[in-house]
Amino acid sequence: MSVHILPNVLAPITIQATFVFASAIILEAALSFLGAGVSPETPSWGNIMGIGRTYIQRAFWVTFFPGLFLFLAVLAINLMGDGLRDALDPKLRRAG
């Protein structure tokens, strides 16, 4: 079992965990932006963008930079998951 099943199951579970983690970050930011997430006292990219929504005409960077960092964090996590898939998938290892 540990020779055949575990190597074939460990890589997809690890990769799926990175994508679920990125989705959780986006979901938390979206809920916080709408006011249904974490409490307003807690710093969050969604809370910061939600507060910056009122200042977007005068100071767009209050919303732009938290959104940019949210995008970069999710992109980095997804690229890490893609790299883990390339490194851990036994089928891809045999083909190369």
PDB file of N, CA and C in Angstrom:
ATOM      1  N   MET A   1       0.819  -1.184   0.000  1.00  0.00           N
ATOM      2  CA  MET A   1       0.000   0.000   0.000  1.00  0.00           C
ATOM      3  C   MET A   1       0.871   1.258   0.000  1.00  0.00           C
ATOM      4  N   SER A   2       1.877   1.309   0.825  1.00  0.00           N
ATOM      5  CA  SER A   2       2.725   2.499   0.879  1.00  0.00           C
ATOM      6  C   SER A   2       3.634   2.609  -0.339  1.00  0.00           C
ATOM      7  N   VAL A   3       3.801   1.552  -1.074  1.00  0.00           N
ATOM      8  CA  VAL A   3       4.654   1.589  -2.255  1.00  0.00           C
ATOM      9  C   VAL A   3       3.884   2.076  -3.483  1.00  0.00           C
ATOM     10  N   HIS A   4       2.639   1.675  -3.627  1.00  0.00           N
ATOM     11  CA  HIS A   4       1.891   1.985  -4.839  1.00  0.00           C
ATOM     12  C   HIS A   4       0.871   3.110  -4.667  1.00  0.00           C
ATOM     13  N   ILE A   5       0.125   3.091  -3.591  1.00  0.00           N
ATOM     14  CA  ILE A   5      -0.971   4.047  -3.438  1.00  0.00           C
ATOM     15  C   ILE A   5      -0.487   5.391  -2.893  1.00  0.00           C
ATOM     16  N   LEU A   6       0.316   5.385  -1.860  1.00  0.00           N
ATOM     17  CA  LEU A   6       0.745   6.623  -1.223  1.00  0.00           C
ATOM     18  C   LEU A   6       1.483   7.568  -2.175  1.00  0.00           C
ATOM     19  N   PRO A   7       2.421   7.134  -2.988  1.00  0.00           N
ATOM     20  CA  PRO A   7       3.063   8.082  -3.917  1.00  0.00           C
ATOM     21  C   PRO A   7       2.102   8.667  -4.947  1.00  0.00           C
ATOM     22  N   ASN A   8       1.096   7.918  -5.329  1.00  0.00           N
ATOM     23  CA  ASN A   8       0.140   8.411  -6.316  1.00  0.00           C
ATOM     24  C   ASN A   8      -0.935   9.294  -5.711  1.00  0.00           C
ATOM     25  N   VAL A   9      -1.119   9.254  -4.412  1.00  0.00           N
ATOM     26  CA  VAL A   9      -2.152  10.046  -3.743  1.00  0.00           C
ATOM     27  C   VAL A   9      -1.563  11.291  -3.087  1.00  0.00           C
ATOM     28  N   LEU A  10      -0.344  11.227  -2.643  1.00  0.00           N
ATOM     29  CA  LEU A  10       0.267  12.327  -1.902  1.00  0.00           C
ATOM     30  C   LEU A  10       0.420  13.585  -2.756  1.00  0.00           C
ATOM     31  N   ALA A  11       0.852  13.448  -3.979  1.00  0.00           N
ATOM     32  CA  ALA A  11       1.047  14.616  -4.848  1.00  0.00           C
ATOM     33  C   ALA A  11      -0.270  15.330  -5.154  1.00  0.00           C
ATOM     34  N   PRO A  12      -1.325  14.650  -5.588  1.00  0.00           N
ATOM     35  CA  PRO A  12      -2.574  15.384  -5.857  1.00  0.00           C
ATOM     36  C   PRO A  12      -3.175  16.050  -4.624  1.00  0.00           C
ATOM     37  N   ILE A  13      -3.039  15.428  -3.466  1.00  0.00           N
ATOM     38  CA  ILE A  13      -3.577  16.028  -2.246  1.00  0.00           C
ATOM     39  C   ILE A  13      -2.794  17.284  -1.883  1.00  0.00           C
ATOM     40  N   THR A  14      -1.483  17.240  -2.019  1.00  0.00           N
ATOM     41  CA  THR A  14      -0.656  18.404  -1.718  1.00  0.00           C
ATOM     42  C   THR A  14      -0.959  19.547  -2.677  1.00  0.00           C
ATOM     43  N   ILE A  15      -1.095  19.230  -3.940  1.00  0.00           N
ATOM     44  CA  ILE A  15      -1.378  20.251  -4.948  1.00  0.00           C
ATOM     45  C   ILE A  15      -2.769  20.838  -4.738  1.00  0.00           C
ATOM     46  N   GLN A  16      -3.740  19.995  -4.463  1.00  0.00           N
ATOM     47  CA  GLN A  16      -5.100  20.474  -4.219  1.00  0.00           C
ATOM     48  C   GLN A  16      -5.141  21.370  -2.991  1.00  0.00           C
ATOM     49  N   ALA A  17      -4.323  21.088  -2.003  1.00  0.00           N
ATOM     50  CA  ALA A  17      -4.282  21.922  -0.797  1.00  0.00           C
ATOM     51  C   ALA A  17      -3.821  23.339  -1.122  1.00  0.00           C
ATOM     52  N   THR A  18      -2.871  23.492  -2.039  1.00  0.00           N
ATOM     53  CA  THR A  18      -2.424  24.840  -2.393  1.00  0.00           C
ATOM     54  C   THR A  18      -3.535  25.612  -3.098  1.00  0.00           C
ATOM     55  N   PHE A  19      -4.291  24.954  -3.959  1.00  0.00           N
ATOM     56  CA  PHE A  19      -5.380  25.638  -4.655  1.00  0.00           C
ATOM     57  C   PHE A  19      -6.528  25.970  -3.712  1.00  0.00           C
ATOM     58  N   VAL A  20      -6.809  25.113  -2.760  1.00  0.00           N
ATOM     59  CA  VAL A  20      -7.851  25.390  -1.767  1.00  0.00           C
ATOM     60  C   VAL A  20      -7.423  26.548  -0.867  1.00  0.00           C
ATOM     61  N   PHE A  21      -6.137  26.608  -0.536  1.00  0.00           N
ATOM     62  CA  PHE A  21      -5.613  27.690   0.287  1.00  0.00           C
ATOM     63  C   PHE A  21      -5.751  29.029  -0.434  1.00  0.00           C
ATOM     64  N   ALA A  22      -5.438  29.061  -1.727  1.00  0.00           N
ATOM     65  CA  ALA A  22      -5.592  30.290  -2.509  1.00  0.00           C
ATOM     66  C   ALA A  22      -7.060  30.692  -2.607  1.00  0.00           C
ATOM     67  N   SER A  23      -7.933  29.729  -2.788  1.00  0.00           N
ATOM     68  CA  SER A  23      -9.362  30.026  -2.844  1.00  0.00           C
ATOM     69  C   SER A  23      -9.878  30.553  -1.508  1.00  0.00           C
ATOM     70  N   ALA A  24      -9.349  30.039  -0.426  1.00  0.00           N
ATOM     71  CA  ALA A  24      -9.759  30.510   0.901  1.00  0.00           C
ATOM     72  C   ALA A  24      -9.326  31.954   1.122  1.00  0.00           C
ATOM     73  N   ILE A  25      -8.164  32.324   0.628  1.00  0.00           N
ATOM     74  CA  ILE A  25      -7.704  33.706   0.759  1.00  0.00           C
ATOM     75  C   ILE A  25      -8.628  34.642  -0.013  1.00  0.00           C
ATOM     76  N   ILE A  26      -8.984  34.258  -1.235  1.00  0.00           N
ATOM     77  CA  ILE A  26      -9.874  35.088  -2.042  1.00  0.00           C
ATOM     78  C   ILE A  26     -11.263  35.178  -1.402  1.00  0.00           C
ATOM     79  N   LEU A  27     -11.765  34.075  -0.897  1.00  0.00           N
ATOM     80  CA  LEU A  27     -13.083  34.074  -0.263  1.00  0.00           C
ATOM     81  C   LEU A  27     -13.112  34.954   0.976  1.00  0.00           C
ATOM     82  N   GLU A  28     -12.072  34.873   1.796  1.00  0.00           N
ATOM     83  CA  GLU A  28     -12.010  35.708   2.995  1.00  0.00           C
ATOM     84  C   GLU A  28     -11.938  37.176   2.620  1.00  0.00           C
ATOM     85  N   ALA A  29     -11.146  37.516   1.610  1.00  0.00           N
ATOM     86  CA  ALA A  29     -11.039  38.915   1.188  1.00  0.00           C
ATOM     87  C   ALA A  29     -12.364  39.416   0.625  1.00  0.00           C
ATOM     88  N   ALA A  30     -13.046  38.589  -0.141  1.00  0.00           N
ATOM     89  CA  ALA A  30     -14.325  39.002  -0.715  1.00  0.00           C
ATOM     90  C   ALA A  30     -15.369  39.217   0.374  1.00  0.00           C
ATOM     91  N   LEU A  31     -15.428  38.294   1.330  1.00  0.00           N
ATOM     92  CA  LEU A  31     -16.398  38.451   2.421  1.00  0.00           C
ATOM     93  C   LEU A  31     -16.068  39.655   3.291  1.00  0.00           C
ATOM     94  N   SER A  32     -14.789  39.897   3.543  1.00  0.00           N
ATOM     95  CA  SER A  32     -14.399  41.058   4.336  1.00  0.00           C
ATOM     96  C   SER A  32     -14.686  42.350   3.584  1.00  0.00           C
ATOM     97  N   PHE A  33     -14.494  42.348   2.281  1.00  0.00           N
ATOM     98  CA  PHE A  33     -14.805  43.524   1.464  1.00  0.00           C
ATOM     99  C   PHE A  33     -16.293  43.868   1.549  1.00  0.00           C
ATOM    100  N   LEU A  34     -17.126  42.843   1.554  1.00  0.00           N
ATOM    101  CA  LEU A  34     -18.568  43.058   1.639  1.00  0.00           C
ATOM    102  C   LEU A  34     -19.057  43.333   3.057  1.00  0.00           C
ATOM    103  N   GLY A  35     -18.176  43.142   4.046  1.00  0.00           N
ATOM    104  CA  GLY A  35     -18.554  43.389   5.429  1.00  0.00           C
ATOM    105  C   GLY A  35     -19.046  42.165   6.160  1.00  0.00           C
ATOM    106  N   ALA A  36     -18.971  40.999   5.534  1.00  0.00           N
ATOM    107  CA  ALA A  36     -19.460  39.772   6.152  1.00  0.00           C
ATOM    108  C   ALA A  36     -18.330  38.864   6.612  1.00  0.00           C
ATOM    109  N   GLY A  37     -17.105  39.330   6.545  1.00  0.00           N
ATOM    110  CA  GLY A  37     -15.955  38.503   6.911  1.00  0.00           C
ATOM    111  C   GLY A  37     -15.524  38.740   8.340  1.00  0.00           C
ATOM    112  N   VAL A  38     -14.237  38.881   8.528  1.00  0.00           N
ATOM    113  CA  VAL A  38     -13.687  39.098   9.864  1.00  0.00           C
ATOM    114  C   VAL A  38     -14.114  40.477  10.373  1.00  0.00           C
ATOM    115  N   SER A  39     -13.963  40.689  11.655  1.00  0.00           N
ATOM    116  CA  SER A  39     -14.404  41.956  12.243  1.00  0.00           C
ATOM    117  C   SER A  39     -13.600  43.119  11.667  1.00  0.00           C
ATOM    118  N   PRO A  40     -14.182  44.314  11.630  1.00  0.00           N
ATOM    119  CA  PRO A  40     -13.492  45.456  11.029  1.00  0.00           C
ATOM    120  C   PRO A  40     -12.195  45.846  11.729  1.00  0.00           C
ATOM    121  N   GLU A  41     -12.020  45.456  12.976  1.00  0.00           N
ATOM    122  CA  GLU A  41     -10.779  45.783  13.687  1.00  0.00           C
ATOM    123  C   GLU A  41      -9.604  44.939  13.215  1.00  0.00           C
ATOM    124  N   THR A  42      -9.902  43.795  12.624  1.00  0.00           N
ATOM    125  CA  THR A  42      -8.860  42.888  12.173  1.00  0.00           C
ATOM    126  C   THR A  42      -8.349  43.335  10.809  1.00  0.00           C
ATOM    127  N   PRO A  43      -7.033  43.551  10.690  1.00  0.00           N
ATOM    128  CA  PRO A  43      -6.512  43.947   9.384  1.00  0.00           C
ATOM    129  C   PRO A  43      -6.602  42.801   8.379  1.00  0.00           C
ATOM    130  N   SER A  44      -7.169  43.082   7.245  1.00  0.00           N
ATOM    131  CA  SER A  44      -7.340  42.102   6.185  1.00  0.00           C
ATOM    132  C   SER A  44      -7.340  42.868   4.871  1.00  0.00           C
ATOM    133  N   TRP A  45      -6.894  42.226   3.813  1.00  0.00           N
ATOM    134  CA  TRP A  45      -6.892  42.907   2.515  1.00  0.00           C
ATOM    135  C   TRP A  45      -8.313  43.283   2.113  1.00  0.00           C
ATOM    136  N   GLY A  46      -9.264  42.434   2.402  1.00  0.00           N
ATOM    137  CA  GLY A  46     -10.649  42.744   2.081  1.00  0.00           C
ATOM    138  C   GLY A  46     -11.176  43.912   2.888  1.00  0.00           C
ATOM    139  N   ASN A  47     -10.837  43.957   4.192  1.00  0.00           N
ATOM    140  CA  ASN A  47     -11.264  45.094   5.026  1.00  0.00           C
ATOM    141  C   ASN A  47     -10.644  46.391   4.538  1.00  0.00           C
ATOM    142  N   ILE A  48      -9.373  46.350   4.182  1.00  0.00           N
ATOM    143  CA  ILE A  48      -8.696  47.554   3.721  1.00  0.00           C
ATOM    144  C   ILE A  48      -9.315  48.053   2.420  1.00  0.00           C
ATOM    145  N   MET A  49      -9.612  47.127   1.506  1.00  0.00           N
ATOM    146  CA  MET A  49     -10.240  47.541   0.249  1.00  0.00           C
ATOM    147  C   MET A  49     -11.663  48.035   0.484  1.00  0.00           C
ATOM    148  N   GLY A  50     -12.361  47.440   1.432  1.00  0.00           N
ATOM    149  CA  GLY A  50     -13.709  47.897   1.754  1.00  0.00           C
ATOM    150  C   GLY A  50     -13.720  49.301   2.334  1.00  0.00           C
ATOM    151  N   ILE A  51     -12.774  49.596   3.194  1.00  0.00           N
ATOM    152  CA  ILE A  51     -12.669  50.947   3.753  1.00  0.00           C
ATOM    153  C   ILE A  51     -12.224  51.929   2.672  1.00  0.00           C
ATOM    154  N   GLY A  52     -11.304  51.496   1.803  1.00  0.00           N
ATOM    155  CA  GLY A  52     -10.810  52.364   0.739  1.00  0.00           C
ATOM    156  C   GLY A  52     -11.826  52.641  -0.341  1.00  0.00           C
ATOM    157  N   ARG A  53     -12.911  51.896  -0.356  1.00  0.00           N
ATOM    158  CA  ARG A  53     -13.971  52.103  -1.353  1.00  0.00           C
ATOM    159  C   ARG A  53     -14.544  53.518  -1.280  1.00  0.00           C
ATOM    160  N   THR A  54     -14.584  54.094  -0.080  1.00  0.00           N
ATOM    161  CA  THR A  54     -15.132  55.445   0.064  1.00  0.00           C
ATOM    162  C   THR A  54     -14.154  56.522  -0.410  1.00  0.00           C
ATOM    163  N   TYR A  55     -12.867  56.186  -0.480  1.00  0.00           N
ATOM    164  CA  TYR A  55     -11.846  57.164  -0.867  1.00  0.00           C
ATOM    165  C   TYR A  55     -11.320  56.946  -2.278  1.00  0.00           C
ATOM    166  N   ILE A  56     -11.968  56.127  -3.069  1.00  0.00           N
ATOM    167  CA  ILE A  56     -11.410  55.723  -4.357  1.00  0.00           C
ATOM    168  C   ILE A  56     -11.292  56.892  -5.336  1.00  0.00           C
ATOM    169  N   GLN A  57     -12.130  57.898  -5.235  1.00  0.00           N
ATOM    170  CA  GLN A  57     -12.045  59.054  -6.138  1.00  0.00           C
ATOM    171  C   GLN A  57     -10.827  59.927  -5.833  1.00  0.00           C
ATOM    172  N   ARG A  58     -10.454  60.025  -4.570  1.00  0.00           N
ATOM    173  CA  ARG A  58      -9.340  60.896  -4.182  1.00  0.00           C
ATOM    174  C   ARG A  58      -8.041  60.152  -3.984  1.00  0.00           C
ATOM    175  N   ALA A  59      -8.109  58.896  -3.527  1.00  0.00           N
ATOM    176  CA  ALA A  59      -6.895  58.134  -3.222  1.00  0.00           C
ATOM    177  C   ALA A  59      -7.099  56.690  -3.662  1.00  0.00           C
ATOM    178  N   PHE A  60      -6.900  56.442  -4.947  1.00  0.00           N
ATOM    179  CA  PHE A  60      -7.146  55.110  -5.496  1.00  0.00           C
ATOM    180  C   PHE A  60      -6.206  54.061  -4.926  1.00  0.00           C
ATOM    181  N   TRP A  61      -5.030  54.478  -4.460  1.00  0.00           N
ATOM    182  CA  TRP A  61      -4.032  53.529  -3.975  1.00  0.00           C
ATOM    183  C   TRP A  61      -4.461  52.821  -2.695  1.00  0.00           C
ATOM    184  N   VAL A  62      -5.421  53.386  -1.979  1.00  0.00           N
ATOM    185  CA  VAL A  62      -5.912  52.730  -0.764  1.00  0.00           C
ATOM    186  C   VAL A  62      -6.589  51.404  -1.122  1.00  0.00           C
ATOM    187  N   THR A  63      -7.179  51.327  -2.283  1.00  0.00           N
ATOM    188  CA  THR A  63      -7.811  50.098  -2.752  1.00  0.00           C
ATOM    189  C   THR A  63      -6.909  49.326  -3.702  1.00  0.00           C
ATOM    190  N   PHE A  64      -6.114  50.028  -4.495  1.00  0.00           N
ATOM    191  CA  PHE A  64      -5.309  49.389  -5.530  1.00  0.00           C
ATOM    192  C   PHE A  64      -4.219  48.491  -4.955  1.00  0.00           C
ATOM    193  N   PHE A  65      -3.445  48.976  -3.998  1.00  0.00           N
ATOM    194  CA  PHE A  65      -2.314  48.197  -3.504  1.00  0.00           C
ATOM    195  C   PHE A  65      -2.717  46.957  -2.702  1.00  0.00           C
ATOM    196  N   PRO A  66      -3.738  47.012  -1.834  1.00  0.00           N
ATOM    197  CA  PRO A  66      -4.173  45.750  -1.218  1.00  0.00           C
ATOM    198  C   PRO A  66      -4.689  44.745  -2.245  1.00  0.00           C
ATOM    199  N   GLY A  67      -5.389  45.238  -3.276  1.00  0.00           N
ATOM    200  CA  GLY A  67      -5.846  44.341  -4.346  1.00  0.00           C
ATOM    201  C   GLY A  67      -4.683  43.744  -5.118  1.00  0.00           C
ATOM    202  N   LEU A  68      -3.662  44.557  -5.367  1.00  0.00           N
ATOM    203  CA  LEU A  68      -2.469  44.072  -6.061  1.00  0.00           C
ATOM    204  C   LEU A  68      -1.753  43.005  -5.234  1.00  0.00           C
ATOM    205  N   PHE A  69      -1.596  43.243  -3.944  1.00  0.00           N
ATOM    206  CA  PHE A  69      -0.918  42.264  -3.096  1.00  0.00           C
ATOM    207  C   PHE A  69      -1.738  40.988  -2.929  1.00  0.00           C
ATOM    208  N   LEU A  70      -3.049  41.124  -2.900  1.00  0.00           N
ATOM    209  CA  LEU A  70      -3.911  39.942  -2.868  1.00  0.00           C
ATOM    210  C   LEU A  70      -3.726  39.136  -4.144  1.00  0.00           C
ATOM    211  N   PHE A  71      -3.720  39.813  -5.277  1.00  0.00           N
ATOM    212  CA  PHE A  71      -3.495  39.152  -6.561  1.00  0.00           C
ATOM    213  C   PHE A  71      -2.144  38.451  -6.599  1.00  0.00           C
ATOM    214  N   LEU A  72      -1.089  39.136  -6.143  1.00  0.00           N
ATOM    215  CA  LEU A  72       0.252  38.543  -6.176  1.00  0.00           C
ATOM    216  C   LEU A  72       0.375  37.354  -5.226  1.00  0.00           C
ATOM    217  N   ALA A  73      -0.264  37.433  -4.072  1.00  0.00           N
ATOM    218  CA  ALA A  73      -0.206  36.316  -3.132  1.00  0.00           C
ATOM    219  C   ALA A  73      -0.909  35.083  -3.689  1.00  0.00           C
ATOM    220  N   VAL A  74      -2.081  35.274  -4.263  1.00  0.00           N
ATOM    221  CA  VAL A  74      -2.820  34.144  -4.839  1.00  0.00           C
ATOM    222  C   VAL A  74      -2.094  33.588  -6.058  1.00  0.00           C
ATOM    223  N   LEU A  75      -1.518  34.467  -6.871  1.00  0.00           N
ATOM    224  CA  LEU A  75      -0.740  34.017  -8.023  1.00  0.00           C
ATOM    225  C   LEU A  75       0.467  33.200  -7.574  1.00  0.00           C
ATOM    226  N   ALA A  76       1.162  33.660  -6.539  1.00  0.00           N
ATOM    227  CA  ALA A  76       2.326  32.926  -6.034  1.00  0.00           C
ATOM    228  C   ALA A  76       1.934  31.554  -5.498  1.00  0.00           C
ATOM    229  N   ILE A  77       0.827  31.476  -4.796  1.00  0.00           N
ATOM    230  CA  ILE A  77       0.384  30.191  -4.263  1.00  0.00           C
ATOM    231  C   ILE A  77      -0.010  29.252  -5.401  1.00  0.00           C
ATOM    232  N   ASN A  78      -0.696  29.775  -6.414  1.00  0.00           N
ATOM    233  CA  ASN A  78      -1.067  28.932  -7.553  1.00  0.00           C
ATOM    234  C   ASN A  78       0.151  28.479  -8.348  1.00  0.00           C
ATOM    235  N   LEU A  79       1.129  29.349  -8.523  1.00  0.00           N
ATOM    236  CA  LEU A  79       2.354  28.944  -9.221  1.00  0.00           C
ATOM    237  C   LEU A  79       3.142  27.914  -8.411  1.00  0.00           C
ATOM    238  N   MET A  80       3.111  28.054  -7.093  1.00  0.00           N
ATOM    239  CA  MET A  80       3.757  27.055  -6.243  1.00  0.00           C
ATOM    240  C   MET A  80       3.058  25.711  -6.389  1.00  0.00           C
ATOM    241  N   GLY A  81       1.737  25.701  -6.441  1.00  0.00           N
ATOM    242  CA  GLY A  81       0.996  24.461  -6.652  1.00  0.00           C
ATOM    243  C   GLY A  81       1.300  23.842  -7.998  1.00  0.00           C
ATOM    244  N   ASP A  82       1.430  24.677  -9.024  1.00  0.00           N
ATOM    245  CA  ASP A  82       1.777  24.177 -10.350  1.00  0.00           C
ATOM    246  C   ASP A  82       3.185  23.600 -10.364  1.00  0.00           C
ATOM    247  N   GLY A  83       4.099  24.261  -9.685  1.00  0.00           N
ATOM    248  CA  GLY A  83       5.461  23.734  -9.583  1.00  0.00           C
ATOM    249  C   GLY A  83       5.516  22.432  -8.802  1.00  0.00           C
ATOM    250  N   LEU A  84       4.714  22.344  -7.737  1.00  0.00           N
ATOM    251  CA  LEU A  84       4.652  21.093  -6.980  1.00  0.00           C
ATOM    252  C   LEU A  84       4.084  19.967  -7.831  1.00  0.00           C
ATOM    253  N   ARG A  85       3.107  20.289  -8.673  1.00  0.00           N
ATOM    254  CA  ARG A  85       2.549  19.267  -9.564  1.00  0.00           C
ATOM    255  C   ARG A  85       3.621  18.757 -10.522  1.00  0.00           C
ATOM    256  N   ASP A  86       4.399  19.665 -11.073  1.00  0.00           N
ATOM    257  CA  ASP A  86       5.466  19.248 -11.981  1.00  0.00           C
ATOM    258  C   ASP A  86       6.527  18.423 -11.261  1.00  0.00           C
ATOM    259  N   ALA A  87       6.810  18.764 -10.014  1.00  0.00           N
ATOM    260  CA  ALA A  87       7.865  18.068  -9.281  1.00  0.00           C
ATOM    261  C   ALA A  87       7.404  16.744  -8.676  1.00  0.00           C
ATOM    262  N   LEU A  88       6.151  16.653  -8.274  1.00  0.00           N
ATOM    263  CA  LEU A  88       5.704  15.487  -7.516  1.00  0.00           C
ATOM    264  C   LEU A  88       4.927  14.457  -8.315  1.00  0.00           C
ATOM    265  N   ASP A  89       4.435  14.800  -9.490  1.00  0.00           N
ATOM    266  CA  ASP A  89       3.602  13.862 -10.234  1.00  0.00           C
ATOM    267  C   ASP A  89       4.461  12.733 -10.794  1.00  0.00           C
ATOM    268  N   PRO A  90       4.230  11.492 -10.363  1.00  0.00           N
ATOM    269  CA  PRO A  90       5.066  10.385 -10.827  1.00  0.00           C
ATOM    270  C   PRO A  90       4.900  10.101 -12.322  1.00  0.00           C
ATOM    271  N   LYS A  91       3.744  10.397 -12.882  1.00  0.00           N
ATOM    272  CA  LYS A  91       3.539  10.166 -14.312  1.00  0.00           C
ATOM    273  C   LYS A  91       4.387  11.131 -15.136  1.00  0.00           C
ATOM    274  N   LEU A  92       4.489  12.382 -14.688  1.00  0.00           N
ATOM    275  CA  LEU A  92       5.321  13.343 -15.402  1.00  0.00           C
ATOM    276  C   LEU A  92       6.804  13.023 -15.244  1.00  0.00           C
ATOM    277  N   ARG A  93       7.172  12.475 -14.105  1.00  0.00           N
ATOM    278  CA  ARG A  93       8.572  12.114 -13.873  1.00  0.00           C
ATOM    279  C   ARG A  93       9.022  10.994 -14.821  1.00  0.00           C
ATOM    280  N   ARG A  94       8.153  10.030 -15.050  1.00  0.00           N
ATOM    281  CA  ARG A  94       8.493   8.913 -15.939  1.00  0.00           C
ATOM    282  C   ARG A  94       8.555   9.348 -17.391  1.00  0.00           C
ATOM    283  N   ALA A  95       7.724  10.317 -17.767  1.00  0.00           N
ATOM    284  CA  ALA A  95       7.671  10.744 -19.174  1.00  0.00           C
ATOM    285  C   ALA A  95       8.910  11.518 -19.570  1.00  0.00           C
ATOM    286  N   GLY A  96       9.549  12.218 -18.609  1.00  0.00           N
ATOM    287  CA  GLY A  96      10.679  13.074 -18.943  1.00  0.00           C
ATOM    288  C   GLY A  96      11.943  12.385 -18.938  1.00  0.00           C
TER     289      GLY A  96
END
